Amino acid sequence: MISRDAIETAYSFFHQKQRIYAHSTIASQKDDIEYAISSYVEGMSPELYLKISEGKDGFLLRHDSFGCDIANAVERLEKML
């Protein structure tokens, strides 16, 4: 079972990073956000990650799909709150 605390914590972190990422024009800032999210993913609940990834391989871990993935993660987490 996924705790409400895990969902709220992930939502808060991802939401903040997604807002900055979406409006940033600085490549190094975007890279830093991608790194921070990938580090967070490594330590988060595997059950929660599987649920928000919907089984997508490399979810939140691939540069080429990160912008879409982070937006989807925020949307899915918000629905879980």
PDB file of N, CA and C in Angstrom:
ATOM      1  N   MET A   1       0.840  -1.186   0.000  1.00  0.00           N
ATOM      2  CA  MET A   1       0.000   0.000   0.000  1.00  0.00           C
ATOM      3  C   MET A   1       0.885   1.249   0.000  1.00  0.00           C
ATOM      4  N   ILE A   2       0.477   2.213  -0.767  1.00  0.00           N
ATOM      5  CA  ILE A   2       1.219   3.469  -0.881  1.00  0.00           C
ATOM      6  C   ILE A   2       0.680   4.445   0.157  1.00  0.00           C
ATOM      7  N   SER A   3       1.561   4.990   0.968  1.00  0.00           N
ATOM      8  CA  SER A   3       1.118   5.924   2.007  1.00  0.00           C
ATOM      9  C   SER A   3       0.755   7.282   1.407  1.00  0.00           C
ATOM     10  N   ARG A   4      -0.177   7.927   2.041  1.00  0.00           N
ATOM     11  CA  ARG A   4      -0.577   9.277   1.613  1.00  0.00           C
ATOM     12  C   ARG A   4       0.615  10.228   1.697  1.00  0.00           C
ATOM     13  N   ASP A   5       1.438  10.045   2.718  1.00  0.00           N
ATOM     14  CA  ASP A   5       2.622  10.879   2.889  1.00  0.00           C
ATOM     15  C   ASP A   5       3.570  10.747   1.694  1.00  0.00           C
ATOM     16  N   ALA A   6       3.758   9.529   1.206  1.00  0.00           N
ATOM     17  CA  ALA A   6       4.631   9.310   0.046  1.00  0.00           C
ATOM     18  C   ALA A   6       4.080  10.019  -1.190  1.00  0.00           C
ATOM     19  N   ILE A   7       2.774   9.952  -1.359  1.00  0.00           N
ATOM     20  CA  ILE A   7       2.126  10.611  -2.503  1.00  0.00           C
ATOM     21  C   ILE A   7       2.261  12.126  -2.390  1.00  0.00           C
ATOM     22  N   GLU A   8       1.968  12.672  -1.215  1.00  0.00           N
ATOM     23  CA  GLU A   8       2.043  14.122  -1.017  1.00  0.00           C
ATOM     24  C   GLU A   8       3.463  14.646  -1.191  1.00  0.00           C
ATOM     25  N   THR A   9       4.432  13.908  -0.665  1.00  0.00           N
ATOM     26  CA  THR A   9       5.829  14.333  -0.774  1.00  0.00           C
ATOM     27  C   THR A   9       6.279  14.324  -2.231  1.00  0.00           C
ATOM     28  N   ALA A  10       5.972  13.249  -2.938  1.00  0.00           N
ATOM     29  CA  ALA A  10       6.345  13.157  -4.352  1.00  0.00           C
ATOM     30  C   ALA A  10       5.642  14.247  -5.157  1.00  0.00           C
ATOM     31  N   TYR A  11       4.359  14.454  -4.895  1.00  0.00           N
ATOM     32  CA  TYR A  11       3.614  15.480  -5.621  1.00  0.00           C
ATOM     33  C   TYR A  11       4.236  16.860  -5.412  1.00  0.00           C
ATOM     34  N   SER A  12       4.531  17.199  -4.182  1.00  0.00           N
ATOM     35  CA  SER A  12       5.101  18.517  -3.883  1.00  0.00           C
ATOM     36  C   SER A  12       6.428  18.722  -4.601  1.00  0.00           C
ATOM     37  N   PHE A  13       7.286  17.714  -4.526  1.00  0.00           N
ATOM     38  CA  PHE A  13       8.606  17.822  -5.151  1.00  0.00           C
ATOM     39  C   PHE A  13       8.489  17.889  -6.670  1.00  0.00           C
ATOM     40  N   PHE A  14       7.728  16.982  -7.261  1.00  0.00           N
ATOM     41  CA  PHE A  14       7.589  16.945  -8.717  1.00  0.00           C
ATOM     42  C   PHE A  14       6.887  18.194  -9.245  1.00  0.00           C
ATOM     43  N   HIS A  15       5.859  18.646  -8.542  1.00  0.00           N
ATOM     44  CA  HIS A  15       5.112  19.831  -8.975  1.00  0.00           C
ATOM     45  C   HIS A  15       6.030  21.052  -9.024  1.00  0.00           C
ATOM     46  N   GLN A  16       6.816  21.233  -7.970  1.00  0.00           N
ATOM     47  CA  GLN A  16       7.740  22.368  -7.924  1.00  0.00           C
ATOM     48  C   GLN A  16       8.745  22.295  -9.071  1.00  0.00           C
ATOM     49  N   LYS A  17       9.343  21.139  -9.258  1.00  0.00           N
ATOM     50  CA  LYS A  17      10.365  20.978 -10.300  1.00  0.00           C
ATOM     51  C   LYS A  17       9.758  21.095 -11.698  1.00  0.00           C
ATOM     52  N   GLN A  18       8.552  20.588 -11.882  1.00  0.00           N
ATOM     53  CA  GLN A  18       7.912  20.655 -13.197  1.00  0.00           C
ATOM     54  C   GLN A  18       7.614  22.088 -13.592  1.00  0.00           C
ATOM     55  N   ARG A  19       7.170  22.901 -12.643  1.00  0.00           N
ATOM     56  CA  ARG A  19       6.869  24.307 -12.936  1.00  0.00           C
ATOM     57  C   ARG A  19       8.127  25.055 -13.377  1.00  0.00           C
ATOM     58  N   ILE A  20       9.204  24.825 -12.687  1.00  0.00           N
ATOM     59  CA  ILE A  20      10.467  25.478 -13.051  1.00  0.00           C
ATOM     60  C   ILE A  20      10.939  24.965 -14.406  1.00  0.00           C
ATOM     61  N   TYR A  21      10.908  23.655 -14.591  1.00  0.00           N
ATOM     62  CA  TYR A  21      11.371  23.027 -15.832  1.00  0.00           C
ATOM     63  C   TYR A  21      10.592  23.555 -17.040  1.00  0.00           C
ATOM     64  N   ALA A  22       9.291  23.655 -16.892  1.00  0.00           N
ATOM     65  CA  ALA A  22       8.433  24.078 -18.001  1.00  0.00           C
ATOM     66  C   ALA A  22       8.718  25.504 -18.461  1.00  0.00           C
ATOM     67  N   HIS A  23       9.183  26.359 -17.556  1.00  0.00           N
ATOM     68  CA  HIS A  23       9.393  27.765 -17.898  1.00  0.00           C
ATOM     69  C   HIS A  23      10.863  28.151 -18.050  1.00  0.00           C
ATOM     70  N   SER A  24      11.748  27.215 -17.796  1.00  0.00           N
ATOM     71  CA  SER A  24      13.172  27.521 -17.864  1.00  0.00           C
ATOM     72  C   SER A  24      13.669  27.560 -19.309  1.00  0.00           C
ATOM     73  N   THR A  25      14.579  28.482 -19.553  1.00  0.00           N
ATOM     74  CA  THR A  25      15.251  28.553 -20.851  1.00  0.00           C
ATOM     75  C   THR A  25      16.739  28.253 -20.695  1.00  0.00           C
ATOM     76  N   ILE A  26      17.126  27.825 -19.510  1.00  0.00           N
ATOM     77  CA  ILE A  26      18.530  27.561 -19.202  1.00  0.00           C
ATOM     78  C   ILE A  26      18.758  26.052 -19.216  1.00  0.00           C
ATOM     79  N   ALA A  27      19.528  25.580 -20.183  1.00  0.00           N
ATOM     80  CA  ALA A  27      19.754  24.141 -20.352  1.00  0.00           C
ATOM     81  C   ALA A  27      20.351  23.495 -19.107  1.00  0.00           C
ATOM     82  N   SER A  28      21.295  24.166 -18.473  1.00  0.00           N
ATOM     83  CA  SER A  28      21.933  23.576 -17.287  1.00  0.00           C
ATOM     84  C   SER A  28      20.942  23.459 -16.126  1.00  0.00           C
ATOM     85  N   GLN A  29      20.006  24.396 -16.028  1.00  0.00           N
ATOM     86  CA  GLN A  29      18.981  24.322 -14.984  1.00  0.00           C
ATOM     87  C   GLN A  29      18.064  23.122 -15.238  1.00  0.00           C
ATOM     88  N   LYS A  30      17.692  22.917 -16.485  1.00  0.00           N
ATOM     89  CA  LYS A  30      16.861  21.767 -16.832  1.00  0.00           C
ATOM     90  C   LYS A  30      17.598  20.462 -16.543  1.00  0.00           C
ATOM     91  N   ASP A  31      18.883  20.416 -16.871  1.00  0.00           N
ATOM     92  CA  ASP A  31      19.686  19.224 -16.578  1.00  0.00           C
ATOM     93  C   ASP A  31      19.732  18.951 -15.079  1.00  0.00           C
ATOM     94  N   ASP A  32      19.883  19.996 -14.284  1.00  0.00           N
ATOM     95  CA  ASP A  32      19.906  19.846 -12.823  1.00  0.00           C
ATOM     96  C   ASP A  32      18.576  19.295 -12.302  1.00  0.00           C
ATOM     97  N   ILE A  33      17.484  19.750 -12.877  1.00  0.00           N
ATOM     98  CA  ILE A  33      16.162  19.257 -12.467  1.00  0.00           C
ATOM     99  C   ILE A  33      16.007  17.790 -12.844  1.00  0.00           C
ATOM    100  N   GLU A  34      16.438  17.425 -14.035  1.00  0.00           N
ATOM    101  CA  GLU A  34      16.376  16.023 -14.451  1.00  0.00           C
ATOM    102  C   GLU A  34      17.197  15.149 -13.510  1.00  0.00           C
ATOM    103  N   TYR A  35      18.357  15.625 -13.119  1.00  0.00           N
ATOM    104  CA  TYR A  35      19.207  14.877 -12.190  1.00  0.00           C
ATOM    105  C   TYR A  35      18.536  14.748 -10.819  1.00  0.00           C
ATOM    106  N   ALA A  36      17.959  15.831 -10.326  1.00  0.00           N
ATOM    107  CA  ALA A  36      17.288  15.804  -9.020  1.00  0.00           C
ATOM    108  C   ALA A  36      16.113  14.823  -9.029  1.00  0.00           C
ATOM    109  N   ILE A  37      15.349  14.826 -10.093  1.00  0.00           N
ATOM    110  CA  ILE A  37      14.206  13.915 -10.190  1.00  0.00           C
ATOM    111  C   ILE A  37      14.683  12.470 -10.291  1.00  0.00           C
ATOM    112  N   SER A  38      15.709  12.215 -11.092  1.00  0.00           N
ATOM    113  CA  SER A  38      16.201  10.832 -11.208  1.00  0.00           C
ATOM    114  C   SER A  38      16.746  10.333  -9.877  1.00  0.00           C
ATOM    115  N   SER A  39      17.386  11.204  -9.118  1.00  0.00           N
ATOM    116  CA  SER A  39      17.874  10.829  -7.785  1.00  0.00           C
ATOM    117  C   SER A  39      16.705  10.534  -6.853  1.00  0.00           C
ATOM    118  N   TYR A  40      15.660  11.335  -6.938  1.00  0.00           N
ATOM    119  CA  TYR A  40      14.473  11.119  -6.113  1.00  0.00           C
ATOM    120  C   TYR A  40      13.824   9.779  -6.460  1.00  0.00           C
ATOM    121  N   VAL A  41      13.716   9.501  -7.750  1.00  0.00           N
ATOM    122  CA  VAL A  41      13.096   8.261  -8.219  1.00  0.00           C
ATOM    123  C   VAL A  41      13.823   7.037  -7.657  1.00  0.00           C
ATOM    124  N   GLU A  42      15.144   7.108  -7.573  1.00  0.00           N
ATOM    125  CA  GLU A  42      15.931   5.984  -7.053  1.00  0.00           C
ATOM    126  C   GLU A  42      15.537   5.619  -5.628  1.00  0.00           C
ATOM    127  N   GLY A  43      15.117   6.597  -4.839  1.00  0.00           N
ATOM    128  CA  GLY A  43      14.790   6.343  -3.447  1.00  0.00           C
ATOM    129  C   GLY A  43      13.310   6.281  -3.120  1.00  0.00           C
ATOM    130  N   MET A  44      12.463   6.522  -4.118  1.00  0.00           N
ATOM    131  CA  MET A  44      11.031   6.555  -3.819  1.00  0.00           C
ATOM    132  C   MET A  44      10.441   5.149  -3.756  1.00  0.00           C
ATOM    133  N   SER A  45       9.242   5.068  -3.245  1.00  0.00           N
ATOM    134  CA  SER A  45       8.512   3.804  -3.160  1.00  0.00           C
ATOM    135  C   SER A  45       8.407   3.167  -4.547  1.00  0.00           C
ATOM    136  N   PRO A  46       8.912   1.937  -4.700  1.00  0.00           N
ATOM    137  CA  PRO A  46       8.799   1.268  -6.001  1.00  0.00           C
ATOM    138  C   PRO A  46       7.345   1.110  -6.453  1.00  0.00           C
ATOM    139  N   GLU A  47       6.457   0.901  -5.507  1.00  0.00           N
ATOM    140  CA  GLU A  47       5.037   0.753  -5.829  1.00  0.00           C
ATOM    141  C   GLU A  47       4.463   2.062  -6.385  1.00  0.00           C
ATOM    142  N   LEU A  48       4.844   3.181  -5.779  1.00  0.00           N
ATOM    143  CA  LEU A  48       4.378   4.482  -6.256  1.00  0.00           C
ATOM    144  C   LEU A  48       4.963   4.783  -7.633  1.00  0.00           C
ATOM    145  N   TYR A  49       6.240   4.495  -7.812  1.00  0.00           N
ATOM    146  CA  TYR A  49       6.873   4.727  -9.121  1.00  0.00           C
ATOM    147  C   TYR A  49       6.171   3.915 -10.209  1.00  0.00           C
ATOM    148  N   LEU A  50       5.899   2.649  -9.934  1.00  0.00           N
ATOM    149  CA  LEU A  50       5.232   1.796 -10.911  1.00  0.00           C
ATOM    150  C   LEU A  50       3.852   2.347 -11.264  1.00  0.00           C
ATOM    151  N   LYS A  51       3.158   2.842 -10.263  1.00  0.00           N
ATOM    152  CA  LYS A  51       1.809   3.383 -10.495  1.00  0.00           C
ATOM    153  C   LYS A  51       1.852   4.641 -11.363  1.00  0.00           C
ATOM    154  N   ILE A  52       2.743   5.577 -11.061  1.00  0.00           N
ATOM    155  CA  ILE A  52       2.763   6.821 -11.848  1.00  0.00           C
ATOM    156  C   ILE A  52       3.407   6.621 -13.217  1.00  0.00           C
ATOM    157  N   SER A  53       4.272   5.616 -13.336  1.00  0.00           N
ATOM    158  CA  SER A  53       4.912   5.361 -14.634  1.00  0.00           C
ATOM    159  C   SER A  53       3.996   4.594 -15.572  1.00  0.00           C
ATOM    160  N   GLU A  54       2.979   3.963 -14.993  1.00  0.00           N
ATOM    161  CA  GLU A  54       2.065   3.110 -15.764  1.00  0.00           C
ATOM    162  C   GLU A  54       2.845   2.103 -16.598  1.00  0.00           C
ATOM    163  N   GLY A  55       3.968   1.631 -16.036  1.00  0.00           N
ATOM    164  CA  GLY A  55       4.777   0.606 -16.681  1.00  0.00           C
ATOM    165  C   GLY A  55       5.720   1.097 -17.770  1.00  0.00           C
ATOM    166  N   LYS A  56       5.779   2.405 -17.989  1.00  0.00           N
ATOM    167  CA  LYS A  56       6.643   2.945 -19.041  1.00  0.00           C
ATOM    168  C   LYS A  56       8.106   2.799 -18.641  1.00  0.00           C
ATOM    169  N   ASP A  57       8.874   2.126 -19.460  1.00  0.00           N
ATOM    170  CA  ASP A  57      10.295   1.924 -19.218  1.00  0.00           C
ATOM    171  C   ASP A  57      11.036   3.257 -19.282  1.00  0.00           C
ATOM    172  N   GLY A  58      11.868   3.514 -18.286  1.00  0.00           N
ATOM    173  CA  GLY A  58      12.665   4.737 -18.271  1.00  0.00           C
ATOM    174  C   GLY A  58      11.891   5.988 -17.902  1.00  0.00           C
ATOM    175  N   PHE A  59      10.706   5.819 -17.330  1.00  0.00           N
ATOM    176  CA  PHE A  59       9.863   6.958 -16.961  1.00  0.00           C
ATOM    177  C   PHE A  59      10.625   7.906 -16.035  1.00  0.00           C
ATOM    178  N   LEU A  60      10.666   9.171 -16.388  1.00  0.00           N
ATOM    179  CA  LEU A  60      11.363  10.242 -15.655  1.00  0.00           C
ATOM    180  C   LEU A  60      12.886  10.110 -15.703  1.00  0.00           C
ATOM    181  N   LEU A  61      13.389   9.162 -16.465  1.00  0.00           N
ATOM    182  CA  LEU A  61      14.829   8.915 -16.485  1.00  0.00           C
ATOM    183  C   LEU A  61      15.466   9.176 -17.841  1.00  0.00           C
ATOM    184  N   ARG A  62      14.666   9.477 -18.837  1.00  0.00           N
ATOM    185  CA  ARG A  62      15.195   9.708 -20.183  1.00  0.00           C
ATOM    186  C   ARG A  62      15.061  11.180 -20.557  1.00  0.00           C
ATOM    187  N   HIS A  63      16.152  11.738 -21.029  1.00  0.00           N
ATOM    188  CA  HIS A  63      16.183  13.157 -21.390  1.00  0.00           C
ATOM    189  C   HIS A  63      15.144  13.493 -22.466  1.00  0.00           C
ATOM    190  N   ASP A  64      15.019  12.634 -23.458  1.00  0.00           N
ATOM    191  CA  ASP A  64      14.147  12.939 -24.595  1.00  0.00           C
ATOM    192  C   ASP A  64      12.652  12.940 -24.259  1.00  0.00           C
ATOM    193  N   SER A  65      12.267  12.322 -23.160  1.00  0.00           N
ATOM    194  CA  SER A  65      10.844  12.300 -22.802  1.00  0.00           C
ATOM    195  C   SER A  65      10.570  12.925 -21.434  1.00  0.00           C
ATOM    196  N   PHE A  66      11.585  13.543 -20.837  1.00  0.00           N
ATOM    197  CA  PHE A  66      11.446  14.036 -19.469  1.00  0.00           C
ATOM    198  C   PHE A  66      10.331  15.068 -19.317  1.00  0.00           C
ATOM    199  N   GLY A  67      10.256  16.041 -20.190  1.00  0.00           N
ATOM    200  CA  GLY A  67       9.243  17.099 -20.073  1.00  0.00           C
ATOM    201  C   GLY A  67       7.829  16.545 -20.031  1.00  0.00           C
ATOM    202  N   CYS A  68       7.543  15.605 -20.891  1.00  0.00           N
ATOM    203  CA  CYS A  68       6.226  14.962 -20.927  1.00  0.00           C
ATOM    204  C   CYS A  68       6.031  14.075 -19.700  1.00  0.00           C
ATOM    205  N   ASP A  69       7.072  13.327 -19.334  1.00  0.00           N
ATOM    206  CA  ASP A  69       6.981  12.426 -18.179  1.00  0.00           C
ATOM    207  C   ASP A  69       6.707  13.181 -16.882  1.00  0.00           C
ATOM    208  N   ILE A  70       7.400  14.283 -16.654  1.00  0.00           N
ATOM    209  CA  ILE A  70       7.216  15.012 -15.394  1.00  0.00           C
ATOM    210  C   ILE A  70       5.806  15.613 -15.330  1.00  0.00           C
ATOM    211  N   ALA A  71       5.308  16.091 -16.456  1.00  0.00           N
ATOM    212  CA  ALA A  71       3.936  16.618 -16.489  1.00  0.00           C
ATOM    213  C   ALA A  71       2.931  15.504 -16.195  1.00  0.00           C
ATOM    214  N   ASN A  72       3.150  14.325 -16.769  1.00  0.00           N
ATOM    215  CA  ASN A  72       2.266  13.185 -16.511  1.00  0.00           C
ATOM    216  C   ASN A  72       2.348  12.739 -15.056  1.00  0.00           C
ATOM    217  N   ALA A  73       3.544  12.735 -14.498  1.00  0.00           N
ATOM    218  CA  ALA A  73       3.722  12.335 -13.097  1.00  0.00           C
ATOM    219  C   ALA A  73       2.945  13.264 -12.173  1.00  0.00           C
ATOM    220  N   VAL A  74       3.053  14.557 -12.401  1.00  0.00           N
ATOM    221  CA  VAL A  74       2.341  15.533 -11.567  1.00  0.00           C
ATOM    222  C   VAL A  74       0.831  15.323 -11.686  1.00  0.00           C
ATOM    223  N   GLU A  75       0.352  15.132 -12.889  1.00  0.00           N
ATOM    224  CA  GLU A  75      -1.083  14.928 -13.111  1.00  0.00           C
ATOM    225  C   GLU A  75      -1.573  13.651 -12.413  1.00  0.00           C
ATOM    226  N   ARG A  76      -0.827  12.581 -12.542  1.00  0.00           N
ATOM    227  CA  ARG A  76      -1.231  11.307 -11.929  1.00  0.00           C
ATOM    228  C   ARG A  76      -1.177  11.374 -10.408  1.00  0.00           C
ATOM    229  N   LEU A  77      -0.147  12.012  -9.875  1.00  0.00           N
ATOM    230  CA  LEU A  77      -0.043  12.160  -8.419  1.00  0.00           C
ATOM    231  C   LEU A  77      -1.174  13.026  -7.878  1.00  0.00           C
ATOM    232  N   GLU A  78      -1.509  14.083  -8.603  1.00  0.00           N
ATOM    233  CA  GLU A  78      -2.596  14.965  -8.164  1.00  0.00           C
ATOM    234  C   GLU A  78      -3.911  14.196  -8.062  1.00  0.00           C
ATOM    235  N   LYS A  79      -4.150  13.297  -8.996  1.00  0.00           N
ATOM    236  CA  LYS A  79      -5.374  12.494  -8.973  1.00  0.00           C
ATOM    237  C   LYS A  79      -5.395  11.521  -7.801  1.00  0.00           C
ATOM    238  N   MET A  80      -4.218  11.170  -7.298  1.00  0.00           N
ATOM    239  CA  MET A  80      -4.125  10.232  -6.177  1.00  0.00           C
ATOM    240  C   MET A  80      -4.330  10.921  -4.828  1.00  0.00           C
ATOM    241  N   LEU A  81      -4.221  12.251  -4.798  1.00  0.00           N
ATOM    242  CA  LEU A  81      -4.361  12.979  -3.530  1.00  0.00           C
ATOM    243  C   LEU A  81      -5.785  12.962  -3.015  1.00  0.00           C
TER     244      LEU A  81
END
